[in-house]
Amino acid sequence: MNYELQTTNYNDFIPFTKMQGSGNDFIIVDNRSGIIKDRENFSKRVCSRKKGIGADGLLLLEESDKATFKMRIFNPDGTEAEMCGNGGRCIARFAYLKKIVGEKCSFETLSGPIIAYVNEAQTKIRMKNPCHLHLNLKLALEGNSYEGHYLDTGVPHLILFAPKVEKAPLEKLGPKIRYHRYFQPQGTNVDFVEVEGDTLKVRTYERGVEKETLSCGTGAVASAIIANIIRGLGSPLKIKTKGGNLKVYFQRRNKTNFTPLENPSLPEFTEVFLEGEAKVVFEGKYEKKGGE
């Protein structure tokens, strides 16, 4: 039987690229012309695994007067995120492949400027310096107490060390910690971390996706910074996730004895980089709906 696409007017379609970085998958659209206006609802539709293309998030490449371009990030629930490490690596490679930028570029995010370096094998981005540290944070949940370490690496993360990360109760604790009153109104991502020599095995419950993702770049960076403070592990650190491997680099100026009090900034940590593969999965065209 011969099947043909009935509509051939491609002006009715939005070009997109599906990419993934260590299993974190994204739909990327060059939106410099403003083809997508209702970003929230568009994200909900295209990120749906059942009725859309399917992704952990929508990345829009838009005009910027502060950098080469602006990255806007929308979660599957339509909320806008401040930053995404793996998304940043993917959009940098996308811009490179589309000849929008060269091997080095800068782009704007809600969390601040990001610098990216792209080569044939890897994509490396310089992250914002971490801030808002709160060590040894104890949370009461249903009669139990859990201790974690909180910081912001572009988006908020709570790090909990686990002896075996595969057995960590992510499905049960992830959403409860994410919506805990301490982290309101913005909520937090939740990372379970196992230390294995100079390697961290990380699982992440992502805010906005509202489930475990195969990888999280900002979570990898947060885990590495906390592993340095709490366990004394040095840079670079290898990160193993369900979706693949990452590497985190950082410099630490001194060995401040941090107290379990919130710090507005962490000037000790600079030159924070996230590195790993970022690959094109496929390209396509998505049919426009009214209002887009």
Protein backbone atom coordinates (compact mmCIF):
# COMPACT_ATOMS: atom_id res chain seq x y z
CA MET A 1 0.00 0.00 0.00
CA ASN A 2 1.35 3.42 -0.96
CA TYR A 3 1.12 6.13 1.74
CA GLU A 4 1.70 9.79 0.90
CA LEU A 5 1.77 12.94 3.00
CA GLN A 6 -1.35 14.86 1.99
CA THR A 7 -0.10 18.34 2.93
CA THR A 8 2.92 19.53 1.00
CA ASN A 9 2.80 23.23 1.92
CA TYR A 10 5.75 23.30 4.29
CA ASN A 11 4.95 26.89 5.29
CA ASP A 12 2.39 25.24 7.58
CA PHE A 13 5.17 23.45 9.46
CA ILE A 14 7.79 24.44 12.05
CA PRO A 15 11.29 23.01 11.43
CA PHE A 16 12.84 21.40 14.51
CA THR A 17 15.84 19.33 15.53
CA LYS A 18 15.68 16.57 18.13
CA MET A 19 18.91 16.28 20.12
CA GLN A 20 20.15 14.44 23.17
CA GLY A 21 22.97 14.97 25.63
CA SER A 22 23.76 11.86 27.72
CA GLY A 23 20.14 10.76 27.38
CA ASN A 24 18.60 14.15 28.21
CA ASP A 25 16.53 14.85 25.07
CA PHE A 26 15.35 18.16 23.66
CA ILE A 27 13.40 19.68 20.79
CA ILE A 28 15.29 22.67 19.41
CA VAL A 29 13.75 25.39 17.26
CA ASP A 30 15.44 28.42 15.73
CA ASN A 31 12.94 31.01 16.91
CA ARG A 32 14.80 34.17 15.90
CA SER A 33 11.96 35.00 13.48
CA GLY A 34 9.36 34.60 16.25
CA ILE A 35 7.62 31.68 14.56
CA ILE A 36 6.59 30.39 18.00
CA LYS A 37 4.76 32.92 20.17
CA ASP A 38 2.75 30.75 22.57
CA ARG A 39 5.84 29.06 23.97
CA GLU A 40 4.15 27.51 27.00
CA ASN A 41 1.44 25.60 25.11
CA PHE A 42 3.76 24.70 22.26
CA SER A 43 6.13 23.10 24.78
CA LYS A 44 3.31 21.11 26.35
CA ARG A 45 2.26 19.74 22.96
CA VAL A 46 5.61 18.89 21.41
CA CYS A 47 7.23 17.46 24.56
CA SER A 48 4.39 14.96 25.11
CA ARG A 49 5.71 11.41 24.75
CA LYS A 50 2.31 10.13 23.60
CA LYS A 51 0.84 12.90 21.44
CA GLY A 52 3.84 14.99 20.45
CA ILE A 53 7.46 14.52 19.44
CA GLY A 54 8.53 13.65 22.98
CA ALA A 55 11.30 15.33 24.97
CA ASP A 56 12.52 16.42 28.40
CA GLY A 57 12.25 20.02 27.23
CA LEU A 58 11.89 22.57 24.45
CA LEU A 59 14.87 24.82 23.63
CA LEU A 60 14.26 28.00 21.67
CA LEU A 61 17.17 29.84 20.07
CA GLU A 62 16.22 33.52 20.07
CA GLU A 63 17.77 36.93 19.45
CA SER A 64 19.89 38.50 22.17
CA ASP A 65 21.46 41.93 22.57
CA LYS A 66 23.82 40.58 25.25
CA ALA A 67 25.31 37.51 23.54
CA THR A 68 25.34 35.61 20.23
CA PHE A 69 21.87 34.26 20.98
CA LYS A 70 19.45 33.61 23.83
CA MET A 71 18.41 30.14 25.00
CA ARG A 72 14.90 29.84 26.39
CA ILE A 73 14.01 26.56 28.08
CA PHE A 74 10.48 25.23 28.54
CA ASN A 75 9.61 22.09 30.48
CA PRO A 76 6.99 19.54 29.39
CA ASP A 77 4.54 21.14 31.86
CA GLY A 78 4.97 24.51 30.13
CA THR A 79 7.01 26.20 32.85
CA GLU A 80 10.14 28.10 31.87
CA ALA A 81 13.46 27.02 33.41
CA GLU A 82 16.34 29.32 34.20
CA MET A 83 19.08 27.01 32.92
CA CYS A 84 19.76 23.47 31.71
CA GLY A 85 23.29 22.09 31.46
CA ASN A 86 22.67 19.35 28.91
CA GLY A 87 20.27 21.63 27.05
CA GLY A 88 22.97 24.28 26.91
CA ARG A 89 25.40 21.80 25.40
CA CYS A 90 22.81 20.65 22.85
CA ILE A 91 21.81 24.14 21.71
CA ALA A 92 25.47 25.16 21.38
CA ARG A 93 26.11 22.21 19.05
CA PHE A 94 22.86 22.96 17.19
CA ALA A 95 23.99 26.56 16.61
CA TYR A 96 27.39 25.30 15.47
CA LEU A 97 25.91 22.76 13.03
CA LYS A 98 23.55 25.39 11.62
CA LYS A 99 26.55 27.75 11.16
CA ILE A 100 25.01 30.34 13.49
CA VAL A 101 28.19 30.30 15.62
CA GLY A 102 31.74 29.03 15.44
CA GLU A 103 33.59 26.64 17.74
CA LYS A 104 33.33 29.13 20.60
CA CYS A 105 30.24 31.16 21.42
CA SER A 106 28.33 32.82 24.23
CA PHE A 107 24.62 32.69 24.84
CA GLU A 108 22.18 34.24 27.24
CA THR A 109 20.02 32.34 29.75
CA LEU A 110 17.74 33.45 32.57
CA SER A 111 20.46 32.38 35.01
CA GLY A 112 23.16 34.42 33.26
CA PRO A 113 25.62 34.20 30.34
CA ILE A 114 27.08 30.85 29.26
CA ILE A 115 30.23 30.24 27.19
CA ALA A 116 30.38 27.14 24.99
CA TYR A 117 33.17 25.28 23.19
CA VAL A 118 32.29 22.77 20.45
CA ASN A 119 34.53 20.24 18.73
CA GLU A 120 33.92 17.08 16.74
CA ALA A 121 33.45 14.81 19.76
CA GLN A 122 32.48 16.91 22.78
CA THR A 123 30.61 20.05 23.76
CA LYS A 124 31.82 21.92 26.83
CA ILE A 125 30.07 24.84 28.51
CA ARG A 126 31.14 27.16 31.27
CA MET A 127 28.42 27.26 33.89
CA LYS A 128 27.57 30.07 36.27
CA ASN A 129 29.38 29.92 39.59
CA PRO A 130 27.30 28.03 42.18
CA CYS A 131 25.45 29.97 44.85
CA HIS A 132 22.96 29.73 47.74
CA LEU A 133 24.70 26.90 49.55
CA HIS A 134 22.99 25.27 52.51
CA LEU A 135 24.81 22.26 53.94
CA ASN A 136 23.41 19.57 56.23
CA LEU A 137 19.84 20.57 55.60
CA LYS A 138 17.48 18.27 57.51
CA LEU A 139 14.00 17.66 56.10
CA ALA A 140 11.15 15.99 57.99
CA LEU A 141 8.99 13.79 55.75
CA GLU A 142 6.26 11.52 57.09
CA GLY A 143 7.98 10.88 60.38
CA ASN A 144 11.45 10.41 58.90
CA SER A 145 14.36 12.83 58.68
CA TYR A 146 16.56 13.17 55.59
CA GLU A 147 19.79 15.15 55.34
CA GLY A 148 20.82 16.80 52.10
CA HIS A 149 22.91 19.65 50.75
CA TYR A 150 21.33 22.45 48.75
CA LEU A 151 22.83 24.81 46.16
CA ASP A 152 22.01 26.58 42.92
CA THR A 153 23.97 25.80 39.74
CA GLY A 154 21.67 27.72 37.43
CA VAL A 155 18.64 25.97 38.91
CA PRO A 156 18.20 24.69 42.50
CA HIS A 157 19.32 21.20 43.54
CA LEU A 158 19.21 19.16 46.74
CA ILE A 159 21.95 16.52 46.91
CA LEU A 160 21.48 13.35 48.96
CA PHE A 161 24.31 10.82 49.21
CA ALA A 162 23.28 7.18 48.88
CA PRO A 163 25.30 3.96 49.39
CA LYS A 164 23.72 2.40 46.27
CA VAL A 165 22.13 4.92 43.96
CA GLU A 166 20.21 2.25 42.05
CA LYS A 167 18.30 1.43 45.24
CA ALA A 168 17.63 5.04 46.25
CA PRO A 169 13.87 5.72 46.71
CA LEU A 170 13.80 8.36 43.98
CA GLU A 171 10.23 7.70 42.85
CA LYS A 172 8.94 8.04 46.42
CA LEU A 173 11.11 10.84 47.82
CA GLY A 174 11.75 12.87 44.66
CA PRO A 175 8.34 14.52 44.34
CA LYS A 176 7.94 14.96 48.11
CA ILE A 177 11.25 16.81 48.43
CA ARG A 178 10.67 18.74 45.21
CA TYR A 179 7.45 20.21 46.68
CA HIS A 180 8.67 20.47 50.29
CA ARG A 181 7.62 23.74 51.93
CA TYR A 182 11.27 24.70 52.54
CA PHE A 183 11.86 25.06 48.79
CA GLN A 184 8.69 26.92 47.89
CA PRO A 185 7.66 28.64 45.75
CA GLN A 186 10.18 27.59 43.09
CA GLY A 187 10.71 24.01 44.27
CA THR A 188 13.94 22.08 43.76
CA ASN A 189 15.49 19.31 41.71
CA VAL A 190 16.54 16.27 43.73
CA ASP A 191 19.75 14.31 43.13
CA PHE A 192 20.80 10.98 44.65
CA VAL A 193 24.57 10.52 44.50
CA GLU A 194 26.83 7.52 45.02
CA VAL A 195 30.59 8.06 45.33
CA GLU A 196 32.74 5.49 43.54
CA GLY A 197 36.39 6.61 43.64
CA ASP A 198 36.73 9.70 41.44
CA THR A 199 33.36 8.97 39.83
CA LEU A 200 29.87 9.98 40.92
CA LYS A 201 26.82 7.94 39.98
CA VAL A 202 23.87 10.33 39.85
CA ARG A 203 20.12 9.98 39.51
CA THR A 204 17.93 13.09 39.26
CA TYR A 205 14.26 13.87 39.80
CA GLU A 206 13.68 16.95 37.65
CA ARG A 207 11.39 19.81 38.47
CA GLY A 208 9.11 20.64 35.53
CA VAL A 209 9.58 17.21 33.98
CA GLU A 210 8.19 15.79 37.25
CA LYS A 211 9.97 12.47 37.00
CA GLU A 212 13.44 10.96 36.78
CA THR A 213 15.39 11.91 33.67
CA LEU A 214 18.24 9.88 32.20
CA SER A 215 20.65 12.73 32.92
CA CYS A 216 20.76 16.28 34.28
CA GLY A 217 23.67 18.62 33.56
CA THR A 218 23.06 21.15 36.34
CA GLY A 219 22.54 18.19 38.68
CA ALA A 220 25.89 16.72 37.64
CA VAL A 221 27.59 20.03 38.43
CA ALA A 222 25.76 20.39 41.75
CA SER A 223 26.75 16.84 42.72
CA ALA A 224 30.40 17.50 41.87
CA ILE A 225 30.57 20.72 43.90
CA ILE A 226 28.95 19.10 46.94
CA ALA A 227 31.21 16.02 46.59
CA ASN A 228 34.20 18.36 46.77
CA ILE A 229 32.91 20.19 49.85
CA ILE A 230 31.67 17.13 51.76
CA ARG A 231 33.91 14.31 50.51
CA GLY A 232 37.00 16.23 49.39
CA LEU A 233 36.93 14.97 45.79
CA GLY A 234 38.92 17.06 43.32
CA SER A 235 38.43 18.27 39.76
CA PRO A 236 37.72 16.89 37.23
CA LEU A 237 35.02 14.49 38.34
CA LYS A 238 33.45 11.83 36.13
CA ILE A 239 29.69 11.62 36.31
CA LYS A 240 27.79 8.46 35.41
CA THR A 241 24.09 8.77 34.68
CA LYS A 242 21.58 6.33 33.22
CA GLY A 243 21.87 8.14 29.90
CA GLY A 244 25.64 8.42 29.61
CA ASN A 245 28.81 9.97 30.97
CA LEU A 246 29.68 13.58 31.75
CA LYS A 247 32.69 15.36 33.18
CA VAL A 248 32.68 18.33 35.55
CA TYR A 249 35.63 20.70 36.00
CA PHE A 250 36.00 23.45 38.58
CA GLN A 251 38.55 25.51 40.46
CA ARG A 252 38.40 26.18 44.17
CA ARG A 253 40.34 29.12 45.52
CA ASN A 254 40.57 28.04 49.16
CA LYS A 255 39.36 25.50 51.67
CA THR A 256 36.76 27.54 53.54
CA ASN A 257 35.05 25.65 56.34
CA PHE A 258 31.46 26.07 55.27
CA THR A 259 28.79 26.30 57.93
CA PRO A 260 25.28 24.84 57.53
CA LEU A 261 23.93 28.31 56.84
CA GLU A 262 22.76 29.67 53.54
CA ASN A 263 25.45 31.59 51.66
CA PRO A 264 24.42 34.04 48.94
CA SER A 265 27.42 33.12 46.83
CA LEU A 266 30.35 30.72 46.63
CA PRO A 267 33.27 32.84 45.45
CA GLU A 268 35.60 29.92 46.19
CA PHE A 269 34.30 28.03 43.11
CA THR A 270 35.12 29.38 39.66
CA GLU A 271 35.78 28.07 36.15
CA VAL A 272 32.95 25.53 36.44
CA PHE A 273 32.59 23.50 33.23
CA LEU A 274 30.30 20.70 32.07
CA GLU A 275 31.49 18.45 29.23
CA GLY A 276 29.99 15.57 27.28
CA GLU A 277 28.48 14.41 24.01
CA ALA A 278 25.58 16.22 22.37
CA LYS A 279 24.09 14.52 19.33
CA VAL A 280 21.41 15.06 16.72
CA VAL A 281 18.74 12.35 16.86
CA PHE A 282 16.67 13.50 13.88
CA GLU A 283 15.23 16.57 12.17
CA GLY A 284 11.66 17.18 11.09
CA LYS A 285 8.77 19.59 10.64
CA TYR A 286 5.93 19.99 13.10
CA GLU A 287 2.49 21.16 11.97
CA LYS A 288 1.50 24.61 13.18
CA LYS A 289 -1.61 25.15 15.27
CA GLY A 290 -3.62 28.32 15.68
CA GLY A 291 -1.89 30.99 17.73
CA GLU A 292 1.69 29.81 17.16
